[in-house]
């Protein structure tokens, strides 16, 4: 079912489900990056091998430390130069 109701999408994501969302060129598949169940569903649905990583979108540079452990200094420098203070 196609819907534009954000509250329904929020419930699906909170319950380890996946949603499709439009981007500027294609539809994307989204799930909770902190949910092992949603991550597994994403790999299964896309028939994607685990060695092929997924993209995680974050709201700000401070959030990168919640999803990554090894962040190159050059990446932080780029973020800083684009006005994204860590």
PDB file of N, CA and C in Angstrom:
ATOM      1  N   UNK A   1       0.833  -1.170   0.000  1.00  0.00           N
ATOM      2  CA  UNK A   1       0.000   0.000   0.000  1.00  0.00           C
ATOM      3  C   UNK A   1       0.886   1.244   0.000  1.00  0.00           C
ATOM      4  N   UNK A   2       0.585   2.194  -0.852  1.00  0.00           N
ATOM      5  CA  UNK A   2       1.336   3.439  -0.918  1.00  0.00           C
ATOM      6  C   UNK A   2       0.644   4.463  -0.028  1.00  0.00           C
ATOM      7  N   UNK A   3       1.428   5.080   0.831  1.00  0.00           N
ATOM      8  CA  UNK A   3       0.885   6.099   1.721  1.00  0.00           C
ATOM      9  C   UNK A   3       1.928   7.188   1.930  1.00  0.00           C
ATOM     10  N   UNK A   4       1.484   8.346   2.256  1.00  0.00           N
ATOM     11  CA  UNK A   4       2.416   9.430   2.575  1.00  0.00           C
ATOM     12  C   UNK A   4       2.282   9.820   4.038  1.00  0.00           C
ATOM     13  N   UNK A   5       1.678   8.966   4.844  1.00  0.00           N
ATOM     14  CA  UNK A   5       1.457   9.231   6.257  1.00  0.00           C
ATOM     15  C   UNK A   5       2.743   8.935   7.043  1.00  0.00           C
ATOM     16  N   UNK A   6       3.407   9.985   7.488  1.00  0.00           N
ATOM     17  CA  UNK A   6       4.671   9.845   8.209  1.00  0.00           C
ATOM     18  C   UNK A   6       4.492   9.041   9.493  1.00  0.00           C
ATOM     19  N   UNK A   7       3.374   9.206  10.172  1.00  0.00           N
ATOM     20  CA  UNK A   7       3.162   8.483  11.429  1.00  0.00           C
ATOM     21  C   UNK A   7       3.110   6.972  11.195  1.00  0.00           C
ATOM     22  N   UNK A   8       2.568   6.546  10.059  1.00  0.00           N
ATOM     23  CA  UNK A   8       2.550   5.112   9.737  1.00  0.00           C
ATOM     24  C   UNK A   8       3.971   4.611   9.468  1.00  0.00           C
ATOM     25  N   UNK A   9       4.749   5.385   8.761  1.00  0.00           N
ATOM     26  CA  UNK A   9       6.145   5.002   8.487  1.00  0.00           C
ATOM     27  C   UNK A   9       6.918   4.895   9.795  1.00  0.00           C
ATOM     28  N   UNK A  10       6.690   5.819  10.704  1.00  0.00           N
ATOM     29  CA  UNK A  10       7.375   5.812  12.006  1.00  0.00           C
ATOM     30  C   UNK A  10       7.073   4.522  12.769  1.00  0.00           C
ATOM     31  N   UNK A  11       5.804   4.111  12.775  1.00  0.00           N
ATOM     32  CA  UNK A  11       5.408   2.879  13.463  1.00  0.00           C
ATOM     33  C   UNK A  11       6.095   1.668  12.834  1.00  0.00           C
ATOM     34  N   UNK A  12       6.126   1.624  11.508  1.00  0.00           N
ATOM     35  CA  UNK A  12       6.781   0.506  10.809  1.00  0.00           C
ATOM     36  C   UNK A  12       8.257   0.449  11.194  1.00  0.00           C
ATOM     37  N   UNK A  13       8.940   1.587  11.169  1.00  0.00           N
ATOM     38  CA  UNK A  13      10.367   1.621  11.504  1.00  0.00           C
ATOM     39  C   UNK A  13      10.611   1.244  12.960  1.00  0.00           C
ATOM     40  N   UNK A  14       9.749   1.701  13.856  1.00  0.00           N
ATOM     41  CA  UNK A  14       9.895   1.374  15.283  1.00  0.00           C
ATOM     42  C   UNK A  14       9.679  -0.104  15.557  1.00  0.00           C
ATOM     43  N   UNK A  15       8.989  -0.793  14.641  1.00  0.00           N
ATOM     44  CA  UNK A  15       8.707  -2.216  14.808  1.00  0.00           C
ATOM     45  C   UNK A  15       9.566  -3.082  13.898  1.00  0.00           C
ATOM     46  N   UNK A  16      10.747  -2.586  13.591  1.00  0.00           N
ATOM     47  CA  UNK A  16      11.753  -3.343  12.823  1.00  0.00           C
ATOM     48  C   UNK A  16      11.361  -3.606  11.388  1.00  0.00           C
ATOM     49  N   UNK A  17      10.410  -2.837  10.868  1.00  0.00           N
ATOM     50  CA  UNK A  17       9.997  -3.004   9.480  1.00  0.00           C
ATOM     51  C   UNK A  17      10.808  -2.122   8.544  1.00  0.00           C
ATOM     52  N   UNK A  18      10.521  -2.257   7.279  1.00  0.00           N
ATOM     53  CA  UNK A  18      11.190  -1.482   6.236  1.00  0.00           C
ATOM     54  C   UNK A  18      10.158  -0.643   5.502  1.00  0.00           C
ATOM     55  N   UNK A  19      10.582   0.496   4.996  1.00  0.00           N
ATOM     56  CA  UNK A  19       9.716   1.360   4.203  1.00  0.00           C
ATOM     57  C   UNK A  19      10.426   1.733   2.905  1.00  0.00           C
ATOM     58  N   UNK A  20       9.643   2.078   1.909  1.00  0.00           N
ATOM     59  CA  UNK A  20      10.190   2.615   0.663  1.00  0.00           C
ATOM     60  C   UNK A  20       9.948   4.110   0.694  1.00  0.00           C
ATOM     61  N   UNK A  21      10.941   4.867   0.245  1.00  0.00           N
ATOM     62  CA  UNK A  21      10.777   6.313   0.217  1.00  0.00           C
ATOM     63  C   UNK A  21      11.408   6.879  -1.035  1.00  0.00           C
ATOM     64  N   UNK A  22      10.787   7.926  -1.568  1.00  0.00           N
ATOM     65  CA  UNK A  22      11.326   8.513  -2.800  1.00  0.00           C
ATOM     66  C   UNK A  22      12.563   9.353  -2.520  1.00  0.00           C
ATOM     67  N   UNK A  23      13.506   9.287  -3.433  1.00  0.00           N
ATOM     68  CA  UNK A  23      14.667  10.174  -3.395  1.00  0.00           C
ATOM     69  C   UNK A  23      14.581  11.035  -4.653  1.00  0.00           C
ATOM     70  N   UNK A  24      15.630  11.772  -4.942  1.00  0.00           N
ATOM     71  CA  UNK A  24      15.573  12.645  -6.117  1.00  0.00           C
ATOM     72  C   UNK A  24      15.529  11.868  -7.429  1.00  0.00           C
ATOM     73  N   UNK A  25      15.963  10.604  -7.428  1.00  0.00           N
ATOM     74  CA  UNK A  25      15.983   9.855  -8.690  1.00  0.00           C
ATOM     75  C   UNK A  25      15.298   8.494  -8.631  1.00  0.00           C
ATOM     76  N   UNK A  26      15.350   7.825  -7.494  1.00  0.00           N
ATOM     77  CA  UNK A  26      14.790   6.472  -7.365  1.00  0.00           C
ATOM     78  C   UNK A  26      14.110   6.335  -6.009  1.00  0.00           C
ATOM     79  N   UNK A  27      13.486   5.205  -5.790  1.00  0.00           N
ATOM     80  CA  UNK A  27      12.959   4.906  -4.454  1.00  0.00           C
ATOM     81  C   UNK A  27      14.053   4.217  -3.655  1.00  0.00           C
ATOM     82  N   UNK A  28      14.104   4.527  -2.370  1.00  0.00           N
ATOM     83  CA  UNK A  28      15.069   3.904  -1.488  1.00  0.00           C
ATOM     84  C   UNK A  28      14.363   3.008  -0.495  1.00  0.00           C
ATOM     85  N   UNK A  29      15.102   2.091   0.073  1.00  0.00           N
ATOM     86  CA  UNK A  29      14.597   1.194   1.100  1.00  0.00           C
ATOM     87  C   UNK A  29      15.198   1.658   2.412  1.00  0.00           C
ATOM     88  N   UNK A  30      14.368   1.859   3.430  1.00  0.00           N
ATOM     89  CA  UNK A  30      14.859   2.387   4.698  1.00  0.00           C
ATOM     90  C   UNK A  30      14.421   1.502   5.852  1.00  0.00           C
ATOM     91  N   UNK A  31      15.293   1.425   6.828  1.00  0.00           N
ATOM     92  CA  UNK A  31      15.009   0.696   8.056  1.00  0.00           C
ATOM     93  C   UNK A  31      15.823   1.305   9.186  1.00  0.00           C
ATOM     94  N   UNK A  32      15.592   0.844  10.390  1.00  0.00           N
ATOM     95  CA  UNK A  32      16.301   1.340  11.565  1.00  0.00           C
ATOM     96  C   UNK A  32      17.705   0.741  11.596  1.00  0.00           C
ATOM     97  N   UNK A  33      18.716   1.579  11.479  1.00  0.00           N
ATOM     98  CA  UNK A  33      20.106   1.112  11.450  1.00  0.00           C
ATOM     99  C   UNK A  33      20.550   0.518  12.785  1.00  0.00           C
ATOM    100  N   UNK A  34      19.761   0.723  13.848  1.00  0.00           N
ATOM    101  CA  UNK A  34      20.101   0.176  15.157  1.00  0.00           C
ATOM    102  C   UNK A  34      19.342  -1.118  15.453  1.00  0.00           C
ATOM    103  N   UNK A  35      18.599  -1.611  14.472  1.00  0.00           N
ATOM    104  CA  UNK A  35      17.820  -2.835  14.632  1.00  0.00           C
ATOM    105  C   UNK A  35      18.438  -3.970  13.829  1.00  0.00           C
ATOM    106  N   UNK A  36      18.927  -4.985  14.535  1.00  0.00           N
ATOM    107  CA  UNK A  36      19.490  -6.153  13.847  1.00  0.00           C
ATOM    108  C   UNK A  36      18.443  -6.819  12.953  1.00  0.00           C
ATOM    109  N   UNK A  37      17.185  -6.793  13.393  1.00  0.00           N
ATOM    110  CA  UNK A  37      16.107  -7.404  12.609  1.00  0.00           C
ATOM    111  C   UNK A  37      15.908  -6.642  11.306  1.00  0.00           C
ATOM    112  N   UNK A  38      15.841  -5.312  11.377  1.00  0.00           N
ATOM    113  CA  UNK A  38      15.654  -4.505  10.168  1.00  0.00           C
ATOM    114  C   UNK A  38      16.843  -4.646   9.230  1.00  0.00           C
ATOM    115  N   UNK A  39      18.024  -4.696   9.781  1.00  0.00           N
ATOM    116  CA  UNK A  39      19.226  -4.864   8.954  1.00  0.00           C
ATOM    117  C   UNK A  39      19.172  -6.206   8.220  1.00  0.00           C
ATOM    118  N   UNK A  40      18.828  -7.268   8.953  1.00  0.00           N
ATOM    119  CA  UNK A  40      18.725  -8.589   8.326  1.00  0.00           C
ATOM    120  C   UNK A  40      17.661  -8.588   7.231  1.00  0.00           C
ATOM    121  N   UNK A  41      16.509  -7.960   7.492  1.00  0.00           N
ATOM    122  CA  UNK A  41      15.445  -7.871   6.489  1.00  0.00           C
ATOM    123  C   UNK A  41      15.935  -7.156   5.231  1.00  0.00           C
ATOM    124  N   UNK A  42      16.723  -6.109   5.422  1.00  0.00           N
ATOM    125  CA  UNK A  42      17.235  -5.350   4.279  1.00  0.00           C
ATOM    126  C   UNK A  42      18.142  -6.216   3.419  1.00  0.00           C
ATOM    127  N   UNK A  43      19.074  -6.907   4.064  1.00  0.00           N
ATOM    128  CA  UNK A  43      19.975  -7.784   3.318  1.00  0.00           C
ATOM    129  C   UNK A  43      19.192  -8.892   2.605  1.00  0.00           C
ATOM    130  N   UNK A  44      18.215  -9.471   3.307  1.00  0.00           N
ATOM    131  CA  UNK A  44      17.420 -10.553   2.709  1.00  0.00           C
ATOM    132  C   UNK A  44      16.610 -10.056   1.517  1.00  0.00           C
ATOM    133  N   UNK A  45      15.915  -8.936   1.697  1.00  0.00           N
ATOM    134  CA  UNK A  45      15.052  -8.409   0.636  1.00  0.00           C
ATOM    135  C   UNK A  45      15.851  -8.030  -0.603  1.00  0.00           C
ATOM    136  N   UNK A  46      17.027  -7.466  -0.391  1.00  0.00           N
ATOM    137  CA  UNK A  46      17.850  -7.043  -1.522  1.00  0.00           C
ATOM    138  C   UNK A  46      18.726  -8.180  -2.054  1.00  0.00           C
ATOM    139  N   UNK A  47      18.677  -9.335  -1.369  1.00  0.00           N
ATOM    140  CA  UNK A  47      19.544 -10.456  -1.721  1.00  0.00           C
ATOM    141  C   UNK A  47      20.993  -9.985  -1.773  1.00  0.00           C
ATOM    142  N   UNK A  48      21.368  -9.247  -0.757  1.00  0.00           N
ATOM    143  CA  UNK A  48      22.666  -8.586  -0.703  1.00  0.00           C
ATOM    144  C   UNK A  48      23.598  -9.360   0.232  1.00  0.00           C
ATOM    145  N   UNK A  49      24.818  -9.640  -0.190  1.00  0.00           N
ATOM    146  CA  UNK A  49      25.756 -10.341   0.693  1.00  0.00           C
ATOM    147  C   UNK A  49      26.213  -9.409   1.831  1.00  0.00           C
ATOM    148  N   UNK A  50      26.502  -9.995   2.985  1.00  0.00           N
ATOM    149  CA  UNK A  50      26.871  -9.189   4.155  1.00  0.00           C
ATOM    150  C   UNK A  50      28.186  -8.438   4.001  1.00  0.00           C
ATOM    151  N   UNK A  51      29.039  -8.857   3.093  1.00  0.00           N
ATOM    152  CA  UNK A  51      30.283  -8.116   2.900  1.00  0.00           C
ATOM    153  C   UNK A  51      30.066  -6.829   2.108  1.00  0.00           C
ATOM    154  N   UNK A  52      28.865  -6.627   1.577  1.00  0.00           N
ATOM    155  CA  UNK A  52      28.521  -5.424   0.827  1.00  0.00           C
ATOM    156  C   UNK A  52      27.742  -4.500   1.774  1.00  0.00           C
ATOM    157  N   UNK A  53      28.377  -3.498   2.341  1.00  0.00           N
ATOM    158  CA  UNK A  53      27.753  -2.713   3.424  1.00  0.00           C
ATOM    159  C   UNK A  53      26.580  -1.855   2.962  1.00  0.00           C
ATOM    160  N   UNK A  54      25.782  -1.476   3.941  1.00  0.00           N
ATOM    161  CA  UNK A  54      24.641  -0.595   3.709  1.00  0.00           C
ATOM    162  C   UNK A  54      25.052   0.848   4.015  1.00  0.00           C
ATOM    163  N   UNK A  55      24.320   1.790   3.457  1.00  0.00           N
ATOM    164  CA  UNK A  55      24.525   3.210   3.733  1.00  0.00           C
ATOM    165  C   UNK A  55      23.668   3.586   4.937  1.00  0.00           C
ATOM    166  N   UNK A  56      24.242   4.384   5.835  1.00  0.00           N
ATOM    167  CA  UNK A  56      23.489   4.894   6.977  1.00  0.00           C
ATOM    168  C   UNK A  56      23.466   6.414   6.871  1.00  0.00           C
ATOM    169  N   UNK A  57      22.268   6.966   6.859  1.00  0.00           N
ATOM    170  CA  UNK A  57      22.121   8.423   6.836  1.00  0.00           C
ATOM    171  C   UNK A  57      21.968   8.914   8.268  1.00  0.00           C
ATOM    172  N   UNK A  58      22.644  10.008   8.583  1.00  0.00           N
ATOM    173  CA  UNK A  58      22.580  10.561   9.932  1.00  0.00           C
ATOM    174  C   UNK A  58      22.119  12.017   9.875  1.00  0.00           C
ATOM    175  N   UNK A  59      21.609  12.513  11.007  1.00  0.00           N
ATOM    176  CA  UNK A  59      21.038  13.862  11.018  1.00  0.00           C
ATOM    177  C   UNK A  59      22.070  14.956  11.175  1.00  0.00           C
ATOM    178  N   UNK A  60      23.222  14.657  11.775  1.00  0.00           N
ATOM    179  CA  UNK A  60      24.261  15.668  11.959  1.00  0.00           C
ATOM    180  C   UNK A  60      25.590  14.966  12.212  1.00  0.00           C
ATOM    181  N   UNK A  61      26.669  15.732  12.187  1.00  0.00           N
ATOM    182  CA  UNK A  61      28.001  15.136  12.316  1.00  0.00           C
ATOM    183  C   UNK A  61      28.202  14.484  13.684  1.00  0.00           C
ATOM    184  N   UNK A  62      27.582  15.008  14.719  1.00  0.00           N
ATOM    185  CA  UNK A  62      27.722  14.404  16.045  1.00  0.00           C
ATOM    186  C   UNK A  62      27.180  12.977  16.064  1.00  0.00           C
ATOM    187  N   UNK A  63      26.192  12.703  15.240  1.00  0.00           N
ATOM    188  CA  UNK A  63      25.581  11.374  15.188  1.00  0.00           C
ATOM    189  C   UNK A  63      26.493  10.327  14.566  1.00  0.00           C
ATOM    190  N   UNK A  64      27.516  10.750  13.863  1.00  0.00           N
ATOM    191  CA  UNK A  64      28.406   9.775  13.227  1.00  0.00           C
ATOM    192  C   UNK A  64      29.064   8.876  14.269  1.00  0.00           C
ATOM    193  N   UNK A  65      29.268   9.399  15.465  1.00  0.00           N
ATOM    194  CA  UNK A  65      29.919   8.617  16.514  1.00  0.00           C
ATOM    195  C   UNK A  65      28.997   7.537  17.078  1.00  0.00           C
ATOM    196  N   UNK A  66      27.704   7.605  16.757  1.00  0.00           N
ATOM    197  CA  UNK A  66      26.762   6.568  17.175  1.00  0.00           C
ATOM    198  C   UNK A  66      26.776   5.373  16.225  1.00  0.00           C
ATOM    199  N   UNK A  67      27.266   5.585  15.003  1.00  0.00           N
ATOM    200  CA  UNK A  67      27.193   4.516  14.000  1.00  0.00           C
ATOM    201  C   UNK A  67      28.556   4.079  13.458  1.00  0.00           C
ATOM    202  N   UNK A  68      29.608   4.778  13.846  1.00  0.00           N
ATOM    203  CA  UNK A  68      30.937   4.434  13.329  1.00  0.00           C
ATOM    204  C   UNK A  68      31.963   4.461  14.453  1.00  0.00           C
ATOM    205  N   UNK A  69      32.953   3.595  14.341  1.00  0.00           N
ATOM    206  CA  UNK A  69      33.991   3.547  15.362  1.00  0.00           C
ATOM    207  C   UNK A  69      35.335   4.040  14.847  1.00  0.00           C
ATOM    208  N   UNK A  70      35.562   3.907  13.580  1.00  0.00           N
ATOM    209  CA  UNK A  70      36.831   4.346  13.001  1.00  0.00           C
ATOM    210  C   UNK A  70      36.554   5.434  11.972  1.00  0.00           C
ATOM    211  N   UNK A  71      36.731   6.676  12.379  1.00  0.00           N
ATOM    212  CA  UNK A  71      36.446   7.807  11.510  1.00  0.00           C
ATOM    213  C   UNK A  71      37.772   8.492  11.182  1.00  0.00           C
ATOM    214  N   UNK A  72      38.177   8.470   9.938  1.00  0.00           N
ATOM    215  CA  UNK A  72      39.456   9.091   9.573  1.00  0.00           C
ATOM    216  C   UNK A  72      39.454  10.590   9.889  1.00  0.00           C
ATOM    217  N   UNK A  73      40.585  11.081  10.314  1.00  0.00           N
ATOM    218  CA  UNK A  73      40.723  12.511  10.577  1.00  0.00           C
ATOM    219  C   UNK A  73      40.350  13.328   9.341  1.00  0.00           C
ATOM    220  N   UNK A  74      40.674  12.802   8.159  1.00  0.00           N
ATOM    221  CA  UNK A  74      40.363  13.527   6.926  1.00  0.00           C
ATOM    222  C   UNK A  74      38.855  13.695   6.743  1.00  0.00           C
ATOM    223  N   UNK A  75      38.067  12.705   7.181  1.00  0.00           N
ATOM    224  CA  UNK A  75      36.611  12.813   7.075  1.00  0.00           C
ATOM    225  C   UNK A  75      36.088  13.887   8.023  1.00  0.00           C
ATOM    226  N   UNK A  76      36.639  13.937   9.222  1.00  0.00           N
ATOM    227  CA  UNK A  76      36.225  14.971  10.171  1.00  0.00           C
ATOM    228  C   UNK A  76      36.646  16.351   9.688  1.00  0.00           C
ATOM    229  N   UNK A  77      37.801  16.429   9.072  1.00  0.00           N
ATOM    230  CA  UNK A  77      38.268  17.700   8.519  1.00  0.00           C
ATOM    231  C   UNK A  77      37.339  18.171   7.392  1.00  0.00           C
ATOM    232  N   UNK A  78      36.936  17.255   6.533  1.00  0.00           N
ATOM    233  CA  UNK A  78      35.983  17.603   5.471  1.00  0.00           C
ATOM    234  C   UNK A  78      34.664  18.103   6.061  1.00  0.00           C
ATOM    235  N   UNK A  79      34.171  17.397   7.065  1.00  0.00           N
ATOM    236  CA  UNK A  79      32.920  17.809   7.707  1.00  0.00           C
ATOM    237  C   UNK A  79      33.050  19.206   8.290  1.00  0.00           C
ATOM    238  N   UNK A  80      34.160  19.453   8.939  1.00  0.00           N
ATOM    239  CA  UNK A  80      34.399  20.772   9.532  1.00  0.00           C
ATOM    240  C   UNK A  80      34.453  21.860   8.457  1.00  0.00           C
ATOM    241  N   UNK A  81      35.116  21.562   7.345  1.00  0.00           N
ATOM    242  CA  UNK A  81      35.214  22.536   6.265  1.00  0.00           C
ATOM    243  C   UNK A  81      33.884  22.811   5.570  1.00  0.00           C
ATOM    244  N   UNK A  82      32.946  21.858   5.696  1.00  0.00           N
ATOM    245  CA  UNK A  82      31.613  22.069   5.145  1.00  0.00           C
ATOM    246  C   UNK A  82      30.656  22.634   6.191  1.00  0.00           C
ATOM    247  N   UNK A  83      31.210  23.045   7.333  1.00  0.00           N
ATOM    248  CA  UNK A  83      30.398  23.665   8.369  1.00  0.00           C
ATOM    249  C   UNK A  83      29.668  22.695   9.268  1.00  0.00           C
ATOM    250  N   UNK A  84      30.109  21.458   9.293  1.00  0.00           N
ATOM    251  CA  UNK A  84      29.485  20.438  10.133  1.00  0.00           C
ATOM    252  C   UNK A  84      30.403  20.150  11.314  1.00  0.00           C
ATOM    253  N   UNK A  85      30.296  20.919  12.360  1.00  0.00           N
ATOM    254  CA  UNK A  85      31.191  20.770  13.515  1.00  0.00           C
ATOM    255  C   UNK A  85      30.943  19.442  14.232  1.00  0.00           C
ATOM    256  N   UNK A  86      32.028  18.691  14.473  1.00  0.00           N
ATOM    257  CA  UNK A  86      31.886  17.402  15.191  1.00  0.00           C
ATOM    258  C   UNK A  86      31.603  17.591  16.673  1.00  0.00           C
TER     259      UNK A  86
END
